[in-house]
Amino acid sequence: MRALSVIGLVLTVGAGAVACGSEEKKESPYVGAGEVCGGVFAGPLEKTVETVTGATSFDRTGEKRMDRVVEALKKGYASGRSWATGYDLCVLGAEGAGRRDDVKINFSIYAPQDVGDTDLRGGARMYSMGKEATAGAVGARINFECVSPQLEGSKERPARIKGGFGNAKDRGTAPEDLAANLTLAHAASLAVAKKLGCEDNGGLPEKPDLQPLP
């Protein structure tokens, strides 16, 4: 009987150890700013993400969003339409916030008339990057053109790509606040341009030009 008791104790302890191990491996539903968007903002830009969103912890999202963005842009371009919907590179859902507060960094194919007549009311400013870059109190966007071996025919007809976001925390339109919004839009756009293999990175510099146009 004592031998059986000892065996039962060992089995119980073993089962407990397995259970503990399972709990330790359980993935957190939240990540820090360095892990959102597939790590596009890892490093110095993590603080910028926190400033723009007003949060430090975010819902975990899919790991293959960059691939889906690229595929959506390729499909949209191949359609031959003047514009096409794209895909969200990431959804910055702050821990504890509602879905309506999410900041979605989205990429799509834009129509030719979408640049050149930009509404700059409310303190928004324009910048010299790509074809057109703007930043406002709650977001920023960059329009750029891409010529790439991945986009058949783009030598003659460059792909018109728009990347950006809205719904950020409204911190006003001071130069540093607009610059923070534009910095995130630039980093995400540059990552997409590189993934697509755009010539000259679609006219986007390695470091963002944060000097607003007159």
Protein backbone atom coordinates (compact mmCIF):
# COMPACT_ATOMS: atom_id res chain seq x y z
CA MET A 1 0.00 0.00 0.00
CA ARG A 2 2.81 2.39 0.90
CA ALA A 3 4.48 1.69 -2.46
CA LEU A 4 1.26 2.50 -4.29
CA SER A 5 0.92 5.73 -2.31
CA VAL A 6 4.43 6.79 -3.26
CA ILE A 7 3.74 6.06 -6.93
CA GLY A 8 0.51 8.07 -6.75
CA LEU A 9 2.39 10.98 -5.17
CA VAL A 10 5.01 10.93 -7.94
CA LEU A 11 2.32 10.92 -10.63
CA THR A 12 0.50 13.80 -8.96
CA VAL A 13 3.67 15.87 -8.68
CA GLY A 14 4.55 15.09 -12.29
CA ALA A 15 1.13 16.20 -13.51
CA GLY A 16 1.46 19.39 -11.50
CA ALA A 17 4.83 20.12 -13.06
CA VAL A 18 3.39 19.68 -16.56
CA ALA A 19 0.50 22.00 -15.71
CA CYS A 20 2.90 24.65 -14.41
CA GLY A 21 4.99 24.31 -17.53
CA SER A 22 1.90 24.83 -19.70
CA GLU A 23 0.98 27.96 -17.78
CA GLU A 24 4.50 29.34 -18.18
CA LYS A 25 4.34 28.90 -21.96
CA LYS A 26 0.99 30.65 -22.30
CA GLU A 27 1.39 33.69 -24.56
CA SER A 28 0.31 37.07 -23.24
CA PRO A 29 -2.51 38.71 -25.24
CA TYR A 30 -0.62 42.02 -24.96
CA VAL A 31 2.68 43.28 -26.32
CA GLY A 32 4.83 46.37 -25.89
CA ALA A 33 5.41 49.06 -28.49
CA GLY A 34 8.51 47.28 -29.80
CA GLU A 35 6.51 44.25 -30.94
CA VAL A 36 3.61 45.95 -32.74
CA CYS A 37 3.60 46.09 -36.54
CA GLY A 38 5.98 43.16 -36.75
CA GLY A 39 8.67 45.07 -34.88
CA VAL A 40 8.80 47.99 -37.35
CA PHE A 41 9.06 50.44 -34.44
CA ALA A 42 11.41 48.43 -32.23
CA GLY A 43 14.12 50.58 -30.66
CA PRO A 44 14.06 54.38 -30.42
CA LEU A 45 10.60 54.61 -32.03
CA GLU A 46 8.92 52.65 -29.23
CA LYS A 47 8.57 55.85 -27.20
CA THR A 48 7.09 57.58 -30.24
CA VAL A 49 4.43 54.87 -30.53
CA GLU A 50 3.56 55.38 -26.87
CA THR A 51 3.39 59.17 -27.31
CA VAL A 52 1.20 58.99 -30.41
CA THR A 53 -1.22 56.43 -28.99
CA GLY A 54 -1.12 57.41 -25.31
CA ALA A 55 -0.59 53.74 -24.40
CA THR A 56 2.24 51.38 -23.47
CA SER A 57 0.57 47.98 -23.91
CA PHE A 58 -1.29 46.78 -27.00
CA ASP A 59 -3.39 43.87 -28.18
CA ARG A 60 -1.36 41.19 -29.88
CA THR A 61 -2.13 41.00 -33.61
CA GLY A 62 -1.24 38.67 -36.47
CA GLU A 63 2.40 38.07 -37.26
CA LYS A 64 2.08 38.07 -41.08
CA ARG A 65 0.42 41.43 -41.68
CA MET A 66 3.31 42.79 -43.73
CA ASP A 67 2.95 39.91 -46.18
CA ARG A 68 -0.78 40.58 -46.42
CA VAL A 69 -0.19 44.28 -47.01
CA VAL A 70 2.21 43.49 -49.86
CA GLU A 71 -0.18 40.97 -51.41
CA ALA A 72 -3.09 43.42 -51.17
CA LEU A 73 -1.04 46.14 -52.86
CA LYS A 74 0.08 43.78 -55.62
CA LYS A 75 -3.50 42.68 -56.19
CA GLY A 76 -4.78 46.26 -56.18
CA TYR A 77 -2.12 47.37 -58.63
CA ALA A 78 -2.68 44.39 -60.95
CA SER A 79 -6.40 45.21 -61.10
CA GLY A 80 -5.59 48.27 -63.19
CA ARG A 81 -8.08 50.37 -61.26
CA SER A 82 -7.21 53.95 -60.35
CA TRP A 83 -7.51 53.07 -56.66
CA ALA A 84 -7.87 49.93 -54.55
CA THR A 85 -8.35 49.04 -50.91
CA GLY A 86 -5.36 47.55 -49.15
CA TYR A 87 -4.70 46.09 -45.71
CA ASP A 88 -3.82 47.19 -42.19
CA LEU A 89 -0.15 46.76 -41.38
CA CYS A 90 -1.16 46.75 -37.75
CA VAL A 91 -3.96 47.67 -35.40
CA LEU A 92 -2.69 49.48 -32.32
CA GLY A 93 -5.35 48.51 -29.83
CA ALA A 94 -4.43 49.89 -26.41
CA GLU A 95 -4.92 47.47 -23.54
CA GLY A 96 -8.31 48.10 -21.94
CA ALA A 97 -9.54 50.45 -24.70
CA GLY A 98 -12.50 49.91 -26.99
CA ARG A 99 -12.17 49.03 -30.67
CA ARG A 100 -13.29 52.49 -31.70
CA ASP A 101 -10.06 53.83 -30.16
CA ASP A 102 -7.76 51.62 -32.26
CA VAL A 103 -5.07 53.27 -34.37
CA LYS A 104 -4.90 51.41 -37.69
CA ILE A 105 -1.85 51.85 -39.91
CA ASN A 106 -3.21 51.10 -43.35
CA PHE A 107 -1.81 50.88 -46.88
CA SER A 108 -3.76 51.09 -50.13
CA ILE A 109 -3.56 52.15 -53.79
CA TYR A 110 -4.56 55.79 -54.17
CA ALA A 111 -6.12 57.58 -57.14
CA PRO A 112 -4.14 60.30 -59.00
CA GLN A 113 -6.51 63.03 -57.83
CA ASP A 114 -5.82 62.18 -54.19
CA VAL A 115 -2.68 64.32 -54.21
CA GLY A 116 -2.27 67.98 -54.99
CA ASP A 117 -5.45 69.26 -53.40
CA THR A 118 -4.94 68.36 -49.75
CA ASP A 119 -7.07 69.92 -47.02
CA LEU A 120 -4.72 71.43 -44.45
CA ARG A 121 -7.33 72.84 -42.10
CA GLY A 122 -7.00 72.31 -38.36
CA GLY A 123 -3.26 72.93 -38.22
CA ALA A 124 -2.17 70.11 -40.53
CA ARG A 125 1.10 70.61 -42.42
CA MET A 126 2.66 69.23 -45.57
CA TYR A 127 6.16 67.76 -45.83
CA SER A 128 8.63 66.86 -48.55
CA MET A 129 8.63 63.06 -48.75
CA GLY A 130 7.40 60.79 -51.51
CA LYS A 131 4.76 62.38 -53.72
CA GLU A 132 2.99 64.02 -50.80
CA ALA A 133 3.23 63.78 -47.02
CA THR A 134 0.97 65.39 -44.43
CA ALA A 135 0.58 65.30 -40.68
CA GLY A 136 -2.24 66.54 -38.47
CA ALA A 137 -3.32 66.40 -34.84
CA VAL A 138 -4.52 62.79 -34.91
CA GLY A 139 -2.62 61.16 -37.76
CA ALA A 140 -0.34 61.33 -40.77
CA ARG A 141 -0.10 59.90 -44.27
CA ILE A 142 2.49 59.51 -46.99
CA ASN A 143 1.73 59.00 -50.68
CA PHE A 144 4.55 57.54 -52.72
CA GLU A 145 5.09 55.81 -56.04
CA CYS A 146 6.72 52.43 -56.41
CA VAL A 147 8.60 50.94 -59.32
CA SER A 148 9.49 47.35 -58.54
CA PRO A 149 10.20 43.99 -60.25
CA GLN A 150 7.39 42.66 -58.03
CA LEU A 151 4.90 44.94 -59.80
CA GLU A 152 4.78 44.04 -63.48
CA GLY A 153 4.45 47.13 -65.64
CA SER A 154 5.42 49.57 -62.91
CA LYS A 155 8.30 50.96 -64.99
CA GLU A 156 5.71 52.51 -67.26
CA ARG A 157 2.97 52.87 -64.64
CA PRO A 158 4.33 53.23 -61.09
CA ALA A 159 2.13 51.94 -58.28
CA ARG A 160 0.58 54.75 -56.25
CA ILE A 161 0.76 53.73 -52.59
CA LYS A 162 -0.72 55.53 -49.62
CA GLY A 163 0.24 54.69 -46.04
CA GLY A 164 -0.85 56.29 -42.84
CA PHE A 165 -3.21 56.38 -39.90
CA GLY A 166 -5.74 58.48 -38.01
CA ASN A 167 -7.45 58.28 -34.63
CA ALA A 168 -4.25 58.90 -32.67
CA LYS A 169 -4.32 60.69 -29.33
CA ASP A 170 -5.03 64.38 -30.03
CA ARG A 171 -2.02 66.18 -28.59
CA GLY A 172 -2.46 69.32 -30.67
CA THR A 173 -0.55 70.60 -33.69
CA ALA A 174 2.72 71.76 -32.18
CA PRO A 175 5.64 70.96 -34.53
CA GLU A 176 6.91 68.15 -32.30
CA ASP A 177 3.49 66.50 -32.17
CA LEU A 178 3.04 66.60 -35.93
CA ALA A 179 6.60 65.28 -36.30
CA ALA A 180 5.84 62.31 -34.03
CA ASN A 181 2.81 61.33 -36.12
CA LEU A 182 4.74 61.70 -39.36
CA THR A 183 7.66 59.70 -37.97
CA LEU A 184 5.45 56.64 -37.48
CA ALA A 185 3.88 57.00 -40.93
CA HIS A 186 7.36 57.28 -42.46
CA ALA A 187 8.78 54.24 -40.65
CA ALA A 188 5.83 52.07 -41.68
CA SER A 189 5.87 53.35 -45.27
CA LEU A 190 9.62 52.82 -45.61
CA ALA A 191 9.25 49.24 -44.35
CA VAL A 192 6.54 48.54 -46.93
CA ALA A 193 8.58 50.17 -49.73
CA LYS A 194 11.56 47.99 -48.85
CA LYS A 195 9.45 44.84 -48.66
CA LEU A 196 8.05 45.61 -52.11
CA GLY A 197 11.54 46.33 -53.45
CA CYS A 198 10.61 49.82 -54.62
CA GLU A 199 13.38 51.66 -56.49
CA ASP A 200 14.91 54.38 -54.33
CA ASN A 201 12.51 53.24 -51.60
CA GLY A 202 9.70 55.07 -53.37
CA GLY A 203 11.44 58.39 -52.81
CA LEU A 204 11.39 57.96 -49.03
CA PRO A 205 14.57 58.87 -47.13
CA GLU A 206 16.07 56.56 -44.53
CA LYS A 207 15.40 59.24 -41.92
CA PRO A 208 12.18 61.27 -42.13
CA ASP A 209 12.27 64.87 -43.32
CA LEU A 210 10.34 66.55 -40.50
CA GLN A 211 10.66 70.10 -41.76
CA PRO A 212 7.19 71.29 -42.87
CA LEU A 213 6.85 72.99 -46.21
CA PRO A 214 6.10 76.74 -46.18
